[in-house]
Amino acid sequence: MAALVRTRMHPVHREHRSLEDKLALLAPRLFRRLNAAVLRLPLSSRLRSTLIARALSSGLAAGTRLDYERLLAGCAPDYEIHVDYPGWAAIDMERVYYGTDGLRQLVEDLRSGFREVRWEPRELLDAGGSCFAVRLDSVGVGHGSGAETRQEQWHVYLAEHGLIRSQRVVSTEQEALAALRETASNAPEPAR
């Protein structure tokens, strides 16, 4: 992994689907092809960074509003998420969730401890090809107390054929960089 491109991100709070959300659901094949094309753009491309950041923000907003149909539209059927984040151990989280049912279960497991959960992206680390990471704040609002907790996390992604294939949740930037190096060394070249 030679270089990284950092792009600042801002939280998106959408109560309704955006145009790109609707595209993902109405034309899933086109959605995947467009995503795959974005991942083939050079690492130096500002368009690449902007579109990856938008797609991540859109997916995180869908997760926040519990729009599973949209959230799952961006994930491969054999999607897996590895949770290496100690902050979630108190909620009795699994270490690995498999498939789209697993992603749904992860969100439900997180929500079992909170009245509201949302993810606020702060920064994209783009390693090029099909690997990237996002620094985000995971925000939970307690059921009884209404108290808000905020924890910084790093999510490392691998995409294949325009869909998220795997995701790893870690605590620090150093862990995210190590996971990006590992993911990048095992990642297939994006399809042409």
C-alpha atoms as a PDB file:
ATOM      1  CA  MET A   1       0.000   0.000   0.000  1.00  0.00           C
ATOM      2  CA  ALA A   2       1.991   2.945  -1.302  1.00  0.00           C
ATOM      3  CA  ALA A   3      -0.232   5.934  -0.660  1.00  0.00           C
ATOM      4  CA  LEU A   4      -3.429   7.012   1.003  1.00  0.00           C
ATOM      5  CA  VAL A   5      -5.771   9.823   0.119  1.00  0.00           C
ATOM      6  CA  ARG A   6      -7.567  11.458   3.034  1.00  0.00           C
ATOM      7  CA  THR A   7     -10.909  13.130   2.455  1.00  0.00           C
ATOM      8  CA  ARG A   8     -12.861  14.982   5.116  1.00  0.00           C
ATOM      9  CA  MET A   9     -16.437  13.748   5.534  1.00  0.00           C
ATOM     10  CA  HIS A  10     -19.482  15.240   7.212  1.00  0.00           C
ATOM     11  CA  PRO A  11     -22.427  13.458   8.817  1.00  0.00           C
ATOM     12  CA  VAL A  12     -25.532  13.167   6.677  1.00  0.00           C
ATOM     13  CA  HIS A  13     -28.849  12.916   8.493  1.00  0.00           C
ATOM     14  CA  ARG A  14     -31.484  11.884   5.974  1.00  0.00           C
ATOM     15  CA  GLU A  15     -34.917  10.811   7.044  1.00  0.00           C
ATOM     16  CA  HIS A  16     -35.759   9.886   3.451  1.00  0.00           C
ATOM     17  CA  ARG A  17     -33.941   8.214   0.589  1.00  0.00           C
ATOM     18  CA  SER A  18     -31.716  10.268  -1.676  1.00  0.00           C
ATOM     19  CA  LEU A  19     -31.589   9.977  -5.459  1.00  0.00           C
ATOM     20  CA  GLU A  20     -28.632   7.577  -5.223  1.00  0.00           C
ATOM     21  CA  ASP A  21     -30.539   5.482  -2.658  1.00  0.00           C
ATOM     22  CA  LYS A  22     -33.426   5.198  -5.092  1.00  0.00           C
ATOM     23  CA  LEU A  23     -31.028   4.266  -7.903  1.00  0.00           C
ATOM     24  CA  ALA A  24     -29.562   1.470  -5.753  1.00  0.00           C
ATOM     25  CA  LEU A  25     -33.032  -0.009  -5.298  1.00  0.00           C
ATOM     26  CA  LEU A  26     -34.589   0.649  -8.701  1.00  0.00           C
ATOM     27  CA  ALA A  27     -31.563  -0.261 -10.835  1.00  0.00           C
ATOM     28  CA  PRO A  28     -29.284  -2.467  -8.728  1.00  0.00           C
ATOM     29  CA  ARG A  29     -27.255  -3.710 -11.687  1.00  0.00           C
ATOM     30  CA  LEU A  30     -26.518  -0.146 -12.836  1.00  0.00           C
ATOM     31  CA  PHE A  31     -25.746   0.842  -9.221  1.00  0.00           C
ATOM     32  CA  ARG A  32     -23.154  -1.959  -8.937  1.00  0.00           C
ATOM     33  CA  ARG A  33     -21.609  -1.103 -12.299  1.00  0.00           C
ATOM     34  CA  LEU A  34     -21.286   2.570 -11.379  1.00  0.00           C
ATOM     35  CA  ASN A  35     -19.715   1.661  -8.024  1.00  0.00           C
ATOM     36  CA  ALA A  36     -17.279  -0.718  -9.728  1.00  0.00           C
ATOM     37  CA  ALA A  37     -16.356   2.006 -12.244  1.00  0.00           C
ATOM     38  CA  VAL A  38     -15.653   4.462  -9.422  1.00  0.00           C
ATOM     39  CA  LEU A  39     -13.289   1.947  -7.798  1.00  0.00           C
ATOM     40  CA  ARG A  40     -11.343   1.673 -11.062  1.00  0.00           C
ATOM     41  CA  LEU A  41     -10.594   5.410 -11.041  1.00  0.00           C
ATOM     42  CA  PRO A  42      -7.030   6.313 -10.050  1.00  0.00           C
ATOM     43  CA  LEU A  43      -6.314   7.015  -6.397  1.00  0.00           C
ATOM     44  CA  SER A  44      -5.442  10.606  -7.328  1.00  0.00           C
ATOM     45  CA  SER A  45      -8.951  11.216  -8.701  1.00  0.00           C
ATOM     46  CA  ARG A  46     -10.949  13.735  -6.689  1.00  0.00           C
ATOM     47  CA  LEU A  47     -14.108  12.285  -8.271  1.00  0.00           C
ATOM     48  CA  ARG A  48     -13.228   8.862  -6.845  1.00  0.00           C
ATOM     49  CA  SER A  49     -12.829  10.177  -3.291  1.00  0.00           C
ATOM     50  CA  THR A  50     -15.966  12.284  -3.509  1.00  0.00           C
ATOM     51  CA  LEU A  51     -18.142   9.446  -4.800  1.00  0.00           C
ATOM     52  CA  ILE A  52     -16.814   6.889  -2.297  1.00  0.00           C
ATOM     53  CA  ALA A  53     -17.456   9.365   0.531  1.00  0.00           C
ATOM     54  CA  ARG A  54     -20.998  10.000  -0.760  1.00  0.00           C
ATOM     55  CA  ALA A  55     -21.735   6.289  -1.051  1.00  0.00           C
ATOM     56  CA  LEU A  56     -20.467   5.600   2.476  1.00  0.00           C
ATOM     57  CA  SER A  57     -22.457   8.527   3.886  1.00  0.00           C
ATOM     58  CA  SER A  58     -25.577   7.293   2.114  1.00  0.00           C
ATOM     59  CA  GLY A  59     -25.146   3.746   3.450  1.00  0.00           C
ATOM     60  CA  LEU A  60     -24.473   4.957   7.002  1.00  0.00           C
ATOM     61  CA  ALA A  61     -27.538   7.212   6.853  1.00  0.00           C
ATOM     62  CA  ALA A  62     -29.616   4.216   5.724  1.00  0.00           C
ATOM     63  CA  GLY A  63     -28.339   2.241   8.711  1.00  0.00           C
ATOM     64  CA  THR A  64     -29.208   5.093  11.053  1.00  0.00           C
ATOM     65  CA  ARG A  65     -32.800   5.282   9.804  1.00  0.00           C
ATOM     66  CA  LEU A  66     -33.076   1.458   9.793  1.00  0.00           C
ATOM     67  CA  ASP A  67     -33.639   1.367   6.041  1.00  0.00           C
ATOM     68  CA  TYR A  68     -32.435  -2.211   5.660  1.00  0.00           C
ATOM     69  CA  GLU A  69     -33.528  -2.477   2.043  1.00  0.00           C
ATOM     70  CA  ARG A  70     -31.174   0.372   1.075  1.00  0.00           C
ATOM     71  CA  LEU A  71     -28.404  -0.628   3.476  1.00  0.00           C
ATOM     72  CA  LEU A  72     -28.298  -4.176   2.143  1.00  0.00           C
ATOM     73  CA  ALA A  73     -28.401  -3.013  -1.495  1.00  0.00           C
ATOM     74  CA  GLY A  74     -24.756  -1.971  -1.121  1.00  0.00           C
ATOM     75  CA  CYS A  75     -23.581  -5.307   0.316  1.00  0.00           C
ATOM     76  CA  ALA A  76     -22.583  -8.538  -1.379  1.00  0.00           C
ATOM     77  CA  PRO A  77     -24.712 -11.579  -0.460  1.00  0.00           C
ATOM     78  CA  ASP A  78     -21.650 -13.162   1.212  1.00  0.00           C
ATOM     79  CA  TYR A  79     -20.818  -9.961   3.104  1.00  0.00           C
ATOM     80  CA  GLU A  80     -19.022 -10.342   6.417  1.00  0.00           C
ATOM     81  CA  ILE A  81     -18.185  -7.912   9.189  1.00  0.00           C
ATOM     82  CA  HIS A  82     -15.453  -8.536  11.735  1.00  0.00           C
ATOM     83  CA  VAL A  83     -15.830  -6.666  15.026  1.00  0.00           C
ATOM     84  CA  ASP A  84     -12.439  -6.018  16.626  1.00  0.00           C
ATOM     85  CA  TYR A  85     -13.773  -3.067  18.587  1.00  0.00           C
ATOM     86  CA  PRO A  86     -13.655  -3.519  22.390  1.00  0.00           C
ATOM     87  CA  GLY A  87     -16.291  -0.828  22.994  1.00  0.00           C
ATOM     88  CA  TRP A  88     -18.977  -3.131  21.610  1.00  0.00           C
ATOM     89  CA  ALA A  89     -18.077  -6.035  23.923  1.00  0.00           C
ATOM     90  CA  ALA A  90     -20.338  -4.600  26.646  1.00  0.00           C
ATOM     91  CA  ILE A  91     -23.328  -5.001  24.311  1.00  0.00           C
ATOM     92  CA  ASP A  92     -22.638  -8.722  23.858  1.00  0.00           C
ATOM     93  CA  MET A  93     -21.743  -8.421  20.184  1.00  0.00           C
ATOM     94  CA  GLU A  94     -20.621 -11.329  18.039  1.00  0.00           C
ATOM     95  CA  ARG A  95     -17.047 -11.168  16.733  1.00  0.00           C
ATOM     96  CA  VAL A  96     -18.128 -11.913  13.145  1.00  0.00           C
ATOM     97  CA  TYR A  97     -21.456 -11.439  11.338  1.00  0.00           C
ATOM     98  CA  TYR A  98     -22.084 -13.167   8.010  1.00  0.00           C
ATOM     99  CA  GLY A  99     -24.304 -12.249   5.096  1.00  0.00           C
ATOM    100  CA  THR A 100     -27.013  -9.663   4.841  1.00  0.00           C
ATOM    101  CA  ASP A 101     -28.895 -11.328   7.711  1.00  0.00           C
ATOM    102  CA  GLY A 102     -25.751 -10.903   9.793  1.00  0.00           C
ATOM    103  CA  LEU A 103     -25.588  -7.189   9.015  1.00  0.00           C
ATOM    104  CA  ARG A 104     -29.212  -6.797  10.046  1.00  0.00           C
ATOM    105  CA  GLN A 105     -28.451  -8.722  13.277  1.00  0.00           C
ATOM    106  CA  LEU A 106     -25.443  -6.500  14.009  1.00  0.00           C
ATOM    107  CA  VAL A 107     -27.596  -3.364  13.808  1.00  0.00           C
ATOM    108  CA  GLU A 108     -30.256  -4.984  16.009  1.00  0.00           C
ATOM    109  CA  ASP A 109     -27.609  -6.082  18.538  1.00  0.00           C
ATOM    110  CA  LEU A 110     -26.285  -2.524  18.707  1.00  0.00           C
ATOM    111  CA  ARG A 111     -29.775  -1.086  19.099  1.00  0.00           C
ATOM    112  CA  SER A 112     -30.563  -3.459  21.982  1.00  0.00           C
ATOM    113  CA  GLY A 113     -28.534  -1.202  24.261  1.00  0.00           C
ATOM    114  CA  PHE A 114     -29.738   2.115  22.899  1.00  0.00           C
ATOM    115  CA  ARG A 115     -32.889   3.975  21.949  1.00  0.00           C
ATOM    116  CA  GLU A 116     -31.068   5.461  18.967  1.00  0.00           C
ATOM    117  CA  VAL A 117     -27.836   4.584  17.176  1.00  0.00           C
ATOM    118  CA  ARG A 118     -26.262   6.636  14.427  1.00  0.00           C
ATOM    119  CA  TRP A 119     -22.969   6.708  12.565  1.00  0.00           C
ATOM    120  CA  GLU A 120     -21.344  10.041  11.755  1.00  0.00           C
ATOM    121  CA  PRO A 121     -18.501   9.772   9.217  1.00  0.00           C
ATOM    122  CA  ARG A 122     -15.538  12.126   9.706  1.00  0.00           C
ATOM    123  CA  GLU A 123     -12.763  11.044   7.328  1.00  0.00           C
ATOM    124  CA  LEU A 124     -12.205   8.695   4.396  1.00  0.00           C
ATOM    125  CA  LEU A 125      -8.857   6.938   3.974  1.00  0.00           C
ATOM    126  CA  ASP A 126      -8.680   5.694   0.394  1.00  0.00           C
ATOM    127  CA  ALA A 127      -6.007   3.089  -0.313  1.00  0.00           C
ATOM    128  CA  GLY A 128      -6.952   2.778  -3.981  1.00  0.00           C
ATOM    129  CA  GLY A 129      -8.448  -0.182  -5.804  1.00  0.00           C
ATOM    130  CA  SER A 130     -11.212  -1.739  -3.773  1.00  0.00           C
ATOM    131  CA  CYS A 131      -9.948  -0.872  -0.259  1.00  0.00           C
ATOM    132  CA  PHE A 132     -10.843   2.107   1.888  1.00  0.00           C
ATOM    133  CA  ALA A 133     -11.560   3.013   5.497  1.00  0.00           C
ATOM    134  CA  VAL A 134     -13.678   5.575   7.281  1.00  0.00           C
ATOM    135  CA  ARG A 135     -13.186   7.215  10.667  1.00  0.00           C
ATOM    136  CA  LEU A 136     -16.555   7.780  12.245  1.00  0.00           C
ATOM    137  CA  ASP A 137     -18.293   8.552  15.496  1.00  0.00           C
ATOM    138  CA  SER A 138     -20.663   5.853  16.673  1.00  0.00           C
ATOM    139  CA  VAL A 139     -23.355   7.653  18.663  1.00  0.00           C
ATOM    140  CA  GLY A 140     -25.798   5.922  20.982  1.00  0.00           C
ATOM    141  CA  VAL A 141     -28.648   7.428  22.997  1.00  0.00           C
ATOM    142  CA  GLY A 142     -29.587   5.432  26.096  1.00  0.00           C
ATOM    143  CA  HIS A 143     -33.063   3.934  26.510  1.00  0.00           C
ATOM    144  CA  GLY A 144     -33.849   5.187  29.987  1.00  0.00           C
ATOM    145  CA  SER A 145     -31.389   8.013  30.548  1.00  0.00           C
ATOM    146  CA  GLY A 146     -31.451   9.617  27.138  1.00  0.00           C
ATOM    147  CA  ALA A 147     -27.720  10.189  27.638  1.00  0.00           C
ATOM    148  CA  GLU A 148     -25.647  10.313  24.477  1.00  0.00           C
ATOM    149  CA  THR A 149     -22.406   8.378  24.159  1.00  0.00           C
ATOM    150  CA  ARG A 150     -19.934   8.992  21.353  1.00  0.00           C
ATOM    151  CA  GLN A 151     -17.099   6.665  20.407  1.00  0.00           C
ATOM    152  CA  GLU A 152     -14.581   7.024  17.598  1.00  0.00           C
ATOM    153  CA  GLN A 153     -14.276   3.950  15.388  1.00  0.00           C
ATOM    154  CA  TRP A 154     -12.569   2.970  12.162  1.00  0.00           C
ATOM    155  CA  HIS A 155     -14.360   0.812   9.578  1.00  0.00           C
ATOM    156  CA  VAL A 156     -12.183  -0.827   6.912  1.00  0.00           C
ATOM    157  CA  TYR A 157     -13.956  -1.968   3.729  1.00  0.00           C
ATOM    158  CA  LEU A 158     -13.238  -4.271   0.818  1.00  0.00           C
ATOM    159  CA  ALA A 159     -15.492  -3.977  -2.219  1.00  0.00           C
ATOM    160  CA  GLU A 160     -15.944  -6.506  -5.025  1.00  0.00           C
ATOM    161  CA  HIS A 161     -18.018  -6.013  -8.161  1.00  0.00           C
ATOM    162  CA  GLY A 162     -19.369  -2.704  -6.869  1.00  0.00           C
ATOM    163  CA  LEU A 163     -20.608  -4.078  -3.518  1.00  0.00           C
ATOM    164  CA  ILE A 164     -19.110  -4.167  -0.026  1.00  0.00           C
ATOM    165  CA  ARG A 165     -17.705  -7.665   0.466  1.00  0.00           C
ATOM    166  CA  SER A 166     -16.178  -7.271   3.924  1.00  0.00           C
ATOM    167  CA  GLN A 167     -15.891  -4.763   6.709  1.00  0.00           C
ATOM    168  CA  ARG A 168     -13.743  -4.657   9.824  1.00  0.00           C
ATOM    169  CA  VAL A 169     -14.428  -2.438  12.842  1.00  0.00           C
ATOM    170  CA  VAL A 170     -11.359  -1.354  14.851  1.00  0.00           C
ATOM    171  CA  SER A 171     -10.494   1.225  17.521  1.00  0.00           C
ATOM    172  CA  THR A 172      -7.533   3.225  16.280  1.00  0.00           C
ATOM    173  CA  GLU A 173      -6.055   4.688  13.137  1.00  0.00           C
ATOM    174  CA  GLN A 174      -3.023   2.406  13.528  1.00  0.00           C
ATOM    175  CA  GLU A 175      -5.297  -0.654  13.575  1.00  0.00           C
ATOM    176  CA  ALA A 176      -7.166   0.692  10.550  1.00  0.00           C
ATOM    177  CA  LEU A 177      -3.911   1.233   8.636  1.00  0.00           C
ATOM    178  CA  ALA A 178      -2.761  -2.306   9.462  1.00  0.00           C
ATOM    179  CA  ALA A 179      -6.151  -3.701   8.382  1.00  0.00           C
ATOM    180  CA  LEU A 180      -5.997  -1.653   5.158  1.00  0.00           C
ATOM    181  CA  ARG A 181      -2.518  -3.041   4.387  1.00  0.00           C
ATOM    182  CA  GLU A 182      -3.731  -6.592   5.020  1.00  0.00           C
ATOM    183  CA  THR A 183      -6.923  -6.077   3.011  1.00  0.00           C
ATOM    184  CA  ALA A 184      -5.084  -4.409   0.118  1.00  0.00           C
ATOM    185  CA  SER A 185      -2.522  -7.232  -0.081  1.00  0.00           C
ATOM    186  CA  ASN A 186      -5.324  -9.837  -0.351  1.00  0.00           C
ATOM    187  CA  ALA A 187      -7.714  -7.825  -2.540  1.00  0.00           C
ATOM    188  CA  PRO A 188      -8.422  -8.892  -6.106  1.00  0.00           C
ATOM    189  CA  GLU A 189      -7.911  -6.312  -8.809  1.00  0.00           C
ATOM    190  CA  PRO A 190     -11.129  -4.426  -9.613  1.00  0.00           C
ATOM    191  CA  ALA A 191     -12.849  -5.977 -12.643  1.00  0.00           C
ATOM    192  CA  ARG A 192     -12.577  -4.039 -15.898  1.00  0.00           C
END
